[in-house]
C-alpha atoms as a PDB file:
ATOM      1  CA  MET A   1      28.003  -7.541 -16.273  1.00  0.00           C
ATOM      2  CA  ALA A   2      28.280  -6.416 -19.361  1.00  0.00           C
ATOM      3  CA  GLY A   3      25.889  -4.131 -21.317  1.00  0.00           C
ATOM      4  CA  THR A   4      23.085  -2.436 -19.600  1.00  0.00           C
ATOM      5  CA  PRO A   5      22.241  -3.848 -16.002  1.00  0.00           C
ATOM      6  CA  ARG A   6      18.943  -5.633 -16.030  1.00  0.00           C
ATOM      7  CA  VAL A   7      16.377  -5.236 -13.156  1.00  0.00           C
ATOM      8  CA  LEU A   8      13.562  -7.714 -12.467  1.00  0.00           C
ATOM      9  CA  VAL A   9      10.500  -6.168 -11.058  1.00  0.00           C
ATOM     10  CA  SER A  10       8.053  -8.606  -9.189  1.00  0.00           C
ATOM     11  CA  LEU A  11       4.593  -7.429  -8.571  1.00  0.00           C
ATOM     12  CA  PHE A  12       1.058  -8.912  -7.654  1.00  0.00           C
ATOM     13  CA  ASP A  13      -1.431  -8.940 -10.390  1.00  0.00           C
ATOM     14  CA  ALA A  14      -1.605  -6.582 -13.605  1.00  0.00           C
ATOM     15  CA  SER A  15      -5.608  -6.251 -13.145  1.00  0.00           C
ATOM     16  CA  GLN A  16      -4.803  -4.156  -9.895  1.00  0.00           C
ATOM     17  CA  GLU A  17      -4.799  -0.423 -10.756  1.00  0.00           C
ATOM     18  CA  TYR A  18      -1.794   0.124  -8.150  1.00  0.00           C
ATOM     19  CA  GLN A  19       0.158  -2.877  -9.645  1.00  0.00           C
ATOM     20  CA  LYS A  20      -0.147  -1.807 -12.912  1.00  0.00           C
ATOM     21  CA  LEU A  21       0.982   1.720 -11.972  1.00  0.00           C
ATOM     22  CA  GLN A  22       3.885   0.486 -10.137  1.00  0.00           C
ATOM     23  CA  GLY A  23       4.848  -1.378 -13.271  1.00  0.00           C
ATOM     24  CA  ASP A  24       4.238   1.212 -15.966  1.00  0.00           C
ATOM     25  CA  ALA A  25       6.337   3.758 -13.405  1.00  0.00           C
ATOM     26  CA  ALA A  26       9.192   1.338 -13.159  1.00  0.00           C
ATOM     27  CA  ARG A  27       9.421   1.269 -17.207  1.00  0.00           C
ATOM     28  CA  ALA A  28       8.982   4.579 -17.566  1.00  0.00           C
ATOM     29  CA  VAL A  29      12.028   5.477 -15.615  1.00  0.00           C
ATOM     30  CA  ALA A  30      14.207   2.751 -16.533  1.00  0.00           C
ATOM     31  CA  ALA A  31      16.086   4.384 -19.593  1.00  0.00           C
ATOM     32  CA  ARG A  32      16.443   7.743 -17.763  1.00  0.00           C
ATOM     33  CA  PHE A  33      18.616   5.534 -14.978  1.00  0.00           C
ATOM     34  CA  GLY A  34      20.382   3.470 -17.190  1.00  0.00           C
ATOM     35  CA  VAL A  35      18.960   0.115 -16.752  1.00  0.00           C
ATOM     36  CA  GLU A  36      16.515  -2.299 -18.296  1.00  0.00           C
ATOM     37  CA  VAL A  37      13.210  -3.296 -16.473  1.00  0.00           C
ATOM     38  CA  GLU A  38      11.561  -6.431 -17.005  1.00  0.00           C
ATOM     39  CA  VAL A  39       8.197  -6.574 -14.986  1.00  0.00           C
ATOM     40  CA  VAL A  40       6.480  -9.676 -13.990  1.00  0.00           C
ATOM     41  CA  TYR A  41       3.092 -10.415 -12.159  1.00  0.00           C
ATOM     42  CA  GLY A  42       2.440 -13.149 -10.001  1.00  0.00           C
ATOM     43  CA  ASN A  43      -1.468 -13.168 -10.828  1.00  0.00           C
ATOM     44  CA  GLY A  44      -2.193 -12.930  -7.029  1.00  0.00           C
ATOM     45  CA  ASP A  45      -0.090 -16.065  -5.951  1.00  0.00           C
ATOM     46  CA  PRO A  46       2.678 -15.748  -3.447  1.00  0.00           C
ATOM     47  CA  ALA A  47       3.970 -19.293  -4.653  1.00  0.00           C
ATOM     48  CA  THR A  48       3.848 -18.260  -8.639  1.00  0.00           C
ATOM     49  CA  GLN A  49       5.726 -14.874  -7.546  1.00  0.00           C
ATOM     50  CA  ALA A  50       8.263 -16.786  -5.868  1.00  0.00           C
ATOM     51  CA  GLY A  51       8.745 -19.230  -8.575  1.00  0.00           C
ATOM     52  CA  GLN A  52       8.958 -16.713 -11.021  1.00  0.00           C
ATOM     53  CA  ILE A  53      11.936 -14.997  -9.231  1.00  0.00           C
ATOM     54  CA  GLU A  54      13.577 -18.172  -8.666  1.00  0.00           C
ATOM     55  CA  HIS A  55      13.720 -19.295 -12.269  1.00  0.00           C
ATOM     56  CA  VAL A  56      15.244 -16.033 -13.075  1.00  0.00           C
ATOM     57  CA  LEU A  57      17.882 -16.551 -10.750  1.00  0.00           C
ATOM     58  CA  GLN A  58      18.731 -20.084 -11.690  1.00  0.00           C
ATOM     59  CA  GLY A  59      19.200 -19.013 -15.360  1.00  0.00           C
ATOM     60  CA  PRO A  60      22.881 -18.510 -16.752  1.00  0.00           C
ATOM     61  CA  GLU A  61      24.908 -16.030 -14.722  1.00  0.00           C
ATOM     62  CA  ASP A  62      25.335 -13.813 -17.426  1.00  0.00           C
ATOM     63  CA  GLN A  63      21.356 -13.456 -17.960  1.00  0.00           C
ATOM     64  CA  ARG A  64      20.693 -12.948 -14.423  1.00  0.00           C
ATOM     65  CA  PRO A  65      19.436  -9.378 -13.231  1.00  0.00           C
ATOM     66  CA  ALA A  66      21.708  -6.944 -11.242  1.00  0.00           C
ATOM     67  CA  ALA A  67      18.906  -6.811  -8.887  1.00  0.00           C
ATOM     68  CA  VAL A  68      15.235  -7.875  -8.087  1.00  0.00           C
ATOM     69  CA  ILE A  69      12.871  -5.261  -7.033  1.00  0.00           C
ATOM     70  CA  VAL A  70       9.597  -7.145  -5.411  1.00  0.00           C
ATOM     71  CA  GLN A  71       6.222  -6.280  -3.799  1.00  0.00           C
ATOM     72  CA  PRO A  72       5.866  -9.191  -1.859  1.00  0.00           C
ATOM     73  CA  MET A  73       2.686 -11.125  -1.584  1.00  0.00           C
ATOM     74  CA  SER A  74       4.057 -13.608   1.381  1.00  0.00           C
ATOM     75  CA  VAL A  75       7.060 -12.168   3.082  1.00  0.00           C
ATOM     76  CA  ALA A  76       7.553 -15.735   4.530  1.00  0.00           C
ATOM     77  CA  ILE A  77       7.487 -17.501   1.306  1.00  0.00           C
ATOM     78  CA  LEU A  78       9.941 -14.949  -0.274  1.00  0.00           C
ATOM     79  CA  GLU A  79      12.547 -14.861   2.614  1.00  0.00           C
ATOM     80  CA  PRO A  80      14.392 -18.015   1.211  1.00  0.00           C
ATOM     81  CA  THR A  81      13.868 -16.571  -2.285  1.00  0.00           C
ATOM     82  CA  ALA A  82      15.688 -13.172  -0.980  1.00  0.00           C
ATOM     83  CA  ARG A  83      18.599 -15.299   0.403  1.00  0.00           C
ATOM     84  CA  GLY A  84      19.344 -17.139  -2.750  1.00  0.00           C
ATOM     85  CA  ALA A  85      19.236 -13.998  -4.830  1.00  0.00           C
ATOM     86  CA  LEU A  86      21.879 -12.522  -2.644  1.00  0.00           C
ATOM     87  CA  ARG A  87      24.018 -15.557  -2.883  1.00  0.00           C
ATOM     88  CA  ALA A  88      23.738 -15.609  -6.422  1.00  0.00           C
ATOM     89  CA  GLY A  89      25.123 -11.844  -6.383  1.00  0.00           C
ATOM     90  CA  VAL A  90      21.801 -10.152  -7.207  1.00  0.00           C
ATOM     91  CA  GLY A  91      20.594  -7.421  -5.070  1.00  0.00           C
ATOM     92  CA  TRP A  92      17.283  -7.623  -3.347  1.00  0.00           C
ATOM     93  CA  VAL A  93      15.082  -4.371  -2.897  1.00  0.00           C
ATOM     94  CA  SER A  94      11.542  -4.900  -1.083  1.00  0.00           C
ATOM     95  CA  LEU A  95       8.779  -2.784  -1.495  1.00  0.00           C
ATOM     96  CA  ASP A  96       7.038  -3.266   1.625  1.00  0.00           C
ATOM     97  CA  PRO A  97       8.502  -4.183   5.198  1.00  0.00           C
ATOM     98  CA  ALA A  98       9.662  -7.369   6.326  1.00  0.00           C
ATOM     99  CA  ILE A  99      11.448  -8.269   9.440  1.00  0.00           C
ATOM    100  CA  TYR A 100      14.199 -10.775   7.798  1.00  0.00           C
ATOM    101  CA  LEU A 101      15.605  -7.785   5.865  1.00  0.00           C
ATOM    102  CA  GLU A 102      17.611  -6.344   8.655  1.00  0.00           C
ATOM    103  CA  SER A 103      19.125 -10.032   9.256  1.00  0.00           C
ATOM    104  CA  LEU A 104      19.932  -9.890   5.431  1.00  0.00           C
ATOM    105  CA  GLN A 105      21.723  -6.695   5.761  1.00  0.00           C
ATOM    106  CA  ARG A 106      23.732  -7.478   8.620  1.00  0.00           C
ATOM    107  CA  ALA A 107      24.593 -10.878   6.989  1.00  0.00           C
ATOM    108  CA  ASN A 108      25.598  -9.279   3.436  1.00  0.00           C
ATOM    109  CA  PRO A 109      27.503  -6.098   4.165  1.00  0.00           C
ATOM    110  CA  GLY A 110      28.413  -4.533   0.997  1.00  0.00           C
ATOM    111  CA  LYS A 111      25.794  -6.056  -0.835  1.00  0.00           C
ATOM    112  CA  LEU A 112      22.189  -4.289  -1.855  1.00  0.00           C
ATOM    113  CA  VAL A 113      19.574  -4.995   0.628  1.00  0.00           C
ATOM    114  CA  ALA A 114      17.211  -2.492   0.733  1.00  0.00           C
ATOM    115  CA  VAL A 115      13.549  -1.709   1.644  1.00  0.00           C
ATOM    116  CA  LEU A 116      11.660   1.222   0.049  1.00  0.00           C
ATOM    117  CA  THR A 117       8.087   1.579   0.744  1.00  0.00           C
ATOM    118  CA  ALA A 118       5.108   3.747   1.445  1.00  0.00           C
ATOM    119  CA  ASP A 119       4.878   4.943   4.955  1.00  0.00           C
ATOM    120  CA  GLY A 120       2.138   2.961   6.469  1.00  0.00           C
ATOM    121  CA  ARG A 121       2.081   4.650   9.606  1.00  0.00           C
ATOM    122  CA  ALA A 122       1.881   8.297   8.011  1.00  0.00           C
ATOM    123  CA  MET A 123      -1.029   6.860   5.931  1.00  0.00           C
ATOM    124  CA  GLY A 124      -3.103   6.090   8.860  1.00  0.00           C
ATOM    125  CA  SER A 125      -1.890   9.332  10.822  1.00  0.00           C
ATOM    126  CA  LEU A 126      -3.041  11.354   7.829  1.00  0.00           C
ATOM    127  CA  GLN A 127      -6.123   9.504   7.779  1.00  0.00           C
ATOM    128  CA  ALA A 128      -6.585  10.603  11.183  1.00  0.00           C
ATOM    129  CA  ARG A 129      -6.219  14.095  10.472  1.00  0.00           C
ATOM    130  CA  ILE A 130      -8.836  13.754   7.655  1.00  0.00           C
ATOM    131  CA  SER A 131     -11.063  12.519  10.201  1.00  0.00           C
ATOM    132  CA  GLY A 132     -10.413  15.784  12.091  1.00  0.00           C
ATOM    133  CA  ALA A 133     -11.084  17.592   9.534  1.00  0.00           C
ATOM    134  CA  LEU A 134     -14.488  16.160   8.755  1.00  0.00           C
ATOM    135  CA  LEU A 135     -15.118  16.158  12.447  1.00  0.00           C
ATOM    136  CA  PRO A 136     -13.896  19.226  14.039  1.00  0.00           C
ATOM    137  CA  ARG A 137     -15.809  18.527  17.258  1.00  0.00           C
ATOM    138  CA  GLY A 138     -15.073  14.780  17.575  1.00  0.00           C
ATOM    139  CA  GLY A 139     -17.532  11.965  17.189  1.00  0.00           C
ATOM    140  CA  SER A 140     -17.837   8.237  16.455  1.00  0.00           C
ATOM    141  CA  VAL A 141     -15.830   6.261  13.716  1.00  0.00           C
ATOM    142  CA  VAL A 142     -16.306   2.883  12.213  1.00  0.00           C
ATOM    143  CA  TYR A 143     -13.026   1.808  11.001  1.00  0.00           C
ATOM    144  CA  VAL A 144     -12.782  -0.915   8.435  1.00  0.00           C
ATOM    145  CA  GLU A 145      -9.330  -3.095   8.349  1.00  0.00           C
ATOM    146  CA  GLY A 146      -7.721  -5.438   5.838  1.00  0.00           C
ATOM    147  CA  PRO A 147      -6.559  -8.805   6.851  1.00  0.00           C
ATOM    148  CA  PRO A 148      -5.647  -8.478  10.423  1.00  0.00           C
ATOM    149  CA  LEU A 149      -1.785  -9.597  10.398  1.00  0.00           C
ATOM    150  CA  ALA A 150      -0.774  -7.949   7.138  1.00  0.00           C
ATOM    151  CA  PRO A 151       2.035  -5.383   7.865  1.00  0.00           C
ATOM    152  CA  ALA A 152       0.058  -2.612   5.781  1.00  0.00           C
ATOM    153  CA  VAL A 153      -3.141  -3.227   8.243  1.00  0.00           C
ATOM    154  CA  ILE A 154      -0.907  -3.118  11.356  1.00  0.00           C
ATOM    155  CA  ASP A 155       0.836   0.150  10.101  1.00  0.00           C
ATOM    156  CA  ARG A 156      -2.258   1.983   8.936  1.00  0.00           C
ATOM    157  CA  ARG A 157      -4.101   1.137  12.261  1.00  0.00           C
ATOM    158  CA  GLU A 158      -1.434   2.285  14.534  1.00  0.00           C
ATOM    159  CA  GLY A 159      -0.863   5.564  12.888  1.00  0.00           C
ATOM    160  CA  MET A 160      -4.857   6.083  12.753  1.00  0.00           C
ATOM    161  CA  MET A 161      -4.885   5.682  16.661  1.00  0.00           C
ATOM    162  CA  GLU A 162      -2.222   7.526  17.382  1.00  0.00           C
ATOM    163  CA  GLY A 163      -3.312  10.376  15.047  1.00  0.00           C
ATOM    164  CA  MET A 164      -6.942  10.382  16.715  1.00  0.00           C
ATOM    165  CA  ARG A 165      -5.716  10.456  20.276  1.00  0.00           C
ATOM    166  CA  GLY A 166      -7.030  13.685  22.161  1.00  0.00           C
ATOM    167  CA  SER A 167      -9.105  14.520  19.231  1.00  0.00           C
ATOM    168  CA  GLY A 168     -12.283  13.633  20.845  1.00  0.00           C
ATOM    169  CA  ILE A 169     -12.464  11.228  17.900  1.00  0.00           C
ATOM    170  CA  ARG A 170     -13.290   7.524  18.943  1.00  0.00           C
ATOM    171  CA  VAL A 171     -13.697   4.147  17.044  1.00  0.00           C
ATOM    172  CA  THR A 172     -16.754   2.495  18.335  1.00  0.00           C
ATOM    173  CA  LYS A 173     -16.749  -0.393  15.922  1.00  0.00           C
ATOM    174  CA  THR A 174     -14.133  -2.275  13.638  1.00  0.00           C
ATOM    175  CA  LEU A 175     -15.278  -4.319  10.765  1.00  0.00           C
ATOM    176  CA  HIS A 176     -12.632  -6.606   8.684  1.00  0.00           C
ATOM    177  CA  GLY A 177     -12.286  -7.280   5.263  1.00  0.00           C
ATOM    178  CA  ASP A 178      -9.830  -8.837   2.652  1.00  0.00           C
ATOM    179  CA  TRP A 179      -9.124  -5.691   0.565  1.00  0.00           C
ATOM    180  CA  SER A 180     -11.678  -6.141  -1.908  1.00  0.00           C
ATOM    181  CA  GLU A 181     -14.976  -4.145  -2.315  1.00  0.00           C
ATOM    182  CA  ALA A 182     -16.886  -7.304  -2.031  1.00  0.00           C
ATOM    183  CA  SER A 183     -15.516  -7.821   1.498  1.00  0.00           C
ATOM    184  CA  GLY A 184     -16.080  -4.424   2.614  1.00  0.00           C
ATOM    185  CA  ALA A 185     -19.898  -4.864   1.513  1.00  0.00           C
ATOM    186  CA  ARG A 186     -20.122  -8.283   3.336  1.00  0.00           C
ATOM    187  CA  ALA A 187     -18.625  -6.881   6.627  1.00  0.00           C
ATOM    188  CA  ALA A 188     -20.947  -4.071   6.583  1.00  0.00           C
ATOM    189  CA  GLU A 189     -23.920  -5.910   5.738  1.00  0.00           C
ATOM    190  CA  LEU A 190     -23.176  -8.353   8.316  1.00  0.00           C
ATOM    191  CA  TRP A 191     -22.904  -5.537  10.834  1.00  0.00           C
ATOM    192  CA  LEU A 192     -26.078  -3.373   9.499  1.00  0.00           C
ATOM    193  CA  ARG A 193     -28.194  -6.605   9.481  1.00  0.00           C
ATOM    194  CA  LEU A 194     -28.170  -6.854  13.399  1.00  0.00           C
ATOM    195  CA  GLY A 195     -30.476  -3.988  13.431  1.00  0.00           C
ATOM    196  CA  ARG A 196     -29.998  -2.091  16.273  1.00  0.00           C
ATOM    197  CA  VAL A 197     -26.520  -0.278  15.418  1.00  0.00           C
ATOM    198  CA  LEU A 198     -25.741   3.004  16.330  1.00  0.00           C
ATOM    199  CA  ARG A 199     -25.316   5.584  13.428  1.00  0.00           C
ATOM    200  CA  PRO A 200     -21.639   6.609  13.342  1.00  0.00           C
ATOM    201  CA  ASP A 201     -20.284  10.097  12.706  1.00  0.00           C
ATOM    202  CA  LEU A 202     -17.725   8.806   9.829  1.00  0.00           C
ATOM    203  CA  ILE A 203     -16.758   5.662   8.296  1.00  0.00           C
ATOM    204  CA  ALA A 204     -12.753   5.203   7.822  1.00  0.00           C
ATOM    205  CA  ALA A 205     -11.617   2.062   5.719  1.00  0.00           C
ATOM    206  CA  GLN A 206      -8.044   1.064   5.277  1.00  0.00           C
ATOM    207  CA  ASN A 207      -8.381   0.929   1.524  1.00  0.00           C
ATOM    208  CA  ASP A 208     -10.714   2.476  -1.435  1.00  0.00           C
ATOM    209  CA  ALA A 209     -11.996  -0.702  -2.400  1.00  0.00           C
ATOM    210  CA  MET A 210     -13.688  -1.772   1.013  1.00  0.00           C
ATOM    211  CA  ALA A 211     -14.697   1.944   1.337  1.00  0.00           C
ATOM    212  CA  ALA A 212     -16.568   1.486  -1.857  1.00  0.00           C
ATOM    213  CA  GLY A 213     -18.256  -1.979  -0.485  1.00  0.00           C
ATOM    214  CA  VAL A 214     -19.352  -0.186   2.796  1.00  0.00           C
ATOM    215  CA  ARG A 215     -21.260   2.538   0.693  1.00  0.00           C
ATOM    216  CA  ARG A 216     -22.974  -0.231  -1.195  1.00  0.00           C
ATOM    217  CA  ALA A 217     -23.797  -1.823   1.851  1.00  0.00           C
ATOM    218  CA  ILE A 218     -25.486   1.427   3.304  1.00  0.00           C
ATOM    219  CA  GLU A 219     -27.384   1.904   0.150  1.00  0.00           C
ATOM    220  CA  THR A 220     -29.107  -1.032   0.533  1.00  0.00           C
ATOM    221  CA  TRP A 221     -29.626  -1.471   4.226  1.00  0.00           C
ATOM    222  CA  LYS A 222     -29.174   1.979   5.746  1.00  0.00           C
ATOM    223  CA  THR A 223     -30.793   4.506   3.053  1.00  0.00           C
ATOM    224  CA  ASP A 224     -30.969   7.333   6.022  1.00  0.00           C
ATOM    225  CA  TRP A 225     -27.079   6.913   6.422  1.00  0.00           C
ATOM    226  CA  LEU A 226     -26.293   8.306   3.014  1.00  0.00           C
ATOM    227  CA  ASP A 227     -24.460  11.498   4.455  1.00  0.00           C
ATOM    228  CA  VAL A 228     -22.334   9.626   6.652  1.00  0.00           C
ATOM    229  CA  PRO A 229     -18.867  10.727   5.313  1.00  0.00           C
ATOM    230  CA  ILE A 230     -16.732   7.785   4.270  1.00  0.00           C
ATOM    231  CA  THR A 231     -12.996   7.926   3.649  1.00  0.00           C
ATOM    232  CA  GLY A 232     -10.510   5.677   2.193  1.00  0.00           C
ATOM    233  CA  CYS A 233      -6.871   5.096   1.414  1.00  0.00           C
ATOM    234  CA  ASP A 234      -4.667   4.369  -1.530  1.00  0.00           C
ATOM    235  CA  GLY A 235      -6.173   7.222  -3.634  1.00  0.00           C
ATOM    236  CA  LEU A 236      -5.674   6.061  -7.209  1.00  0.00           C
ATOM    237  CA  PRO A 237      -6.517   8.236 -10.214  1.00  0.00           C
ATOM    238  CA  GLU A 238      -9.401   5.659 -11.439  1.00  0.00           C
ATOM    239  CA  GLY A 239     -10.005   4.408  -7.998  1.00  0.00           C
ATOM    240  CA  GLY A 240     -10.387   6.779  -4.769  1.00  0.00           C
ATOM    241  CA  GLN A 241      -9.631   9.858  -6.151  1.00  0.00           C
ATOM    242  CA  ARG A 242     -12.054   9.128  -9.097  1.00  0.00           C
ATOM    243  CA  MET A 243     -14.711   8.394  -5.918  1.00  0.00           C
ATOM    244  CA  VAL A 244     -13.830  11.650  -4.350  1.00  0.00           C
ATOM    245  CA  ARG A 245     -14.806  13.634  -7.447  1.00  0.00           C
ATOM    246  CA  GLU A 246     -17.937  11.596  -7.883  1.00  0.00           C
ATOM    247  CA  GLY A 247     -19.176  11.815  -4.182  1.00  0.00           C
ATOM    248  CA  VAL A 248     -19.034   8.251  -3.197  1.00  0.00           C
ATOM    249  CA  LEU A 249     -16.091   9.103  -0.767  1.00  0.00           C
ATOM    250  CA  ALA A 250     -15.150  12.306   1.432  1.00  0.00           C
ATOM    251  CA  ALA A 251     -11.607  11.934   1.087  1.00  0.00           C
ATOM    252  CA  THR A 252      -8.990   9.423   0.583  1.00  0.00           C
ATOM    253  CA  VAL A 253      -5.121   9.096   1.370  1.00  0.00           C
ATOM    254  CA  ILE A 254      -2.737   8.940  -1.863  1.00  0.00           C
ATOM    255  CA  GLN A 255      -0.118   6.309  -1.355  1.00  0.00           C
ATOM    256  CA  PRO A 256       2.901   7.096  -3.324  1.00  0.00           C
ATOM    257  CA  ILE A 257       4.155   4.971  -5.945  1.00  0.00           C
ATOM    258  CA  THR A 258       7.339   3.067  -5.067  1.00  0.00           C
ATOM    259  CA  ALA A 259       8.704   1.180  -8.082  1.00  0.00           C
ATOM    260  CA  ALA A 260      10.175   4.146  -9.812  1.00  0.00           C
ATOM    261  CA  PRO A 261      12.104   5.467  -6.779  1.00  0.00           C
ATOM    262  CA  ALA A 262      13.249   1.757  -6.280  1.00  0.00           C
ATOM    263  CA  VAL A 263      14.684   1.483  -9.604  1.00  0.00           C
ATOM    264  CA  GLU A 264      16.575   4.973  -8.887  1.00  0.00           C
ATOM    265  CA  LEU A 265      18.037   3.602  -5.671  1.00  0.00           C
ATOM    266  CA  VAL A 266      19.065   0.306  -7.777  1.00  0.00           C
ATOM    267  CA  ALA A 267      20.739   2.588 -10.381  1.00  0.00           C
ATOM    268  CA  ARG A 268      22.802   4.593  -7.952  1.00  0.00           C
ATOM    269  CA  ALA A 269      23.747   1.610  -5.879  1.00  0.00           C
ATOM    270  CA  LEU A 270      25.144  -0.059  -9.231  1.00  0.00           C
ATOM    271  CA  ARG A 271      27.085   2.841  -9.898  1.00  0.00           C
ATOM    272  CA  GLY A 272      28.578   2.599  -6.364  1.00  0.00           C
ATOM    273  CA  GLU A 273      26.777   5.382  -4.645  1.00  0.00           C
ATOM    274  CA  SER A 274      25.478   4.657  -1.069  1.00  0.00           C
ATOM    275  CA  VAL A 275      22.206   4.094  -0.502  1.00  0.00           C
ATOM    276  CA  GLU A 276      19.596   4.229   2.256  1.00  0.00           C
ATOM    277  CA  PRO A 277      18.765   0.788   3.616  1.00  0.00           C
ATOM    278  CA  SER A 278      15.343   1.726   4.662  1.00  0.00           C
ATOM    279  CA  THR A 279      13.168   4.433   2.837  1.00  0.00           C
ATOM    280  CA  ARG A 280       9.778   5.449   3.557  1.00  0.00           C
ATOM    281  CA  LEU A 281       7.635   7.751   1.309  1.00  0.00           C
ATOM    282  CA  ALA A 282       5.190  10.211   2.598  1.00  0.00           C
ATOM    283  CA  PRO A 283       1.523  10.014   1.420  1.00  0.00           C
ATOM    284  CA  ARG A 284      -0.911  12.628   0.464  1.00  0.00           C
ATOM    285  CA  ALA A 285      -4.573  13.829   1.366  1.00  0.00           C
ATOM    286  CA  PHE A 286      -7.276  14.030  -1.332  1.00  0.00           C
ATOM    287  CA  PRO A 287      -8.536  16.688  -1.047  1.00  0.00           C
ATOM    288  CA  SER A 288      -5.940  18.238   1.217  1.00  0.00           C
ATOM    289  CA  VAL A 289      -6.736  18.430   5.059  1.00  0.00           C
ATOM    290  CA  GLU A 290      -6.561  22.261   4.743  1.00  0.00           C
ATOM    291  CA  GLU A 291      -9.551  22.068   2.241  1.00  0.00           C
ATOM    292  CA  LEU A 292     -11.510  19.615   4.230  1.00  0.00           C
ATOM    293  CA  LYS A 293     -11.239  21.941   7.175  1.00  0.00           C
ATOM    294  CA  LEU A 294     -12.389  24.864   5.191  1.00  0.00           C
ATOM    295  CA  ARG A 295     -15.248  22.873   3.752  1.00  0.00           C
ATOM    296  CA  ALA A 296     -16.356  21.857   7.230  1.00  0.00           C
ATOM    297  CA  ARG A 297     -16.783  25.721   8.418  1.00  0.00           C
ATOM    298  CA  THR A 298     -18.978  26.607   5.289  1.00  0.00           C
END
């Protein structure tokens, strides 16, 4: 492939802050690593995302990208697209885990097939540590999850439950949303309208938007619960971090940006360097767990 190698970065929706940050980060590092990046957004539709990638793959050979970096909206829909990319000589890097990637790696030795993602279990485990810092003597937690079968939900849940083991903290109620603020508010409202609900010591949500929705429902239905701390995940600068600074949330977990290191991974692979087939990036707490512990003691 003559000239500067091209990389297609396929993301969810430019209106989502994390997705926009992913695209901006990929573009920002492209020149440094000697590649040209094209970012496309699927407008929240898995079929649109797959169609955008397939359209590029079906183009003239000399216009195809060297690799596709994708944050998949649907693992099932994108599996045949990934297989088609490899048949066309195009590498495939997923920013979310998928079972089919292992079989692709076995079936395509020497080709670029990799997953580079935020460590979901570590995010859940870190949220458990945050819970322990906020509840040093233990207590009850209402846990707010995203869509039940989503890999991120499963990973964050498993990390959270494992991290709470032996801490004296227990989940007494689980609510379910779809990652949106409206779904968090709706789930909490349905629960609170039952009337005789026990006041928890902490509410922990799997993302900041649902956490904000729960806070909104409490402000409407349980104003005497306004001092119950609420934590979230994702920790975007204008999302969770801002809500912590404003006192809406007690803490959040910052999900690392993965698109930029994925561009670096592709560039290294194109230079003939060996790259890890699976990489998980560690999250950070905001504020730090140590700071939260100090606050709890004062």
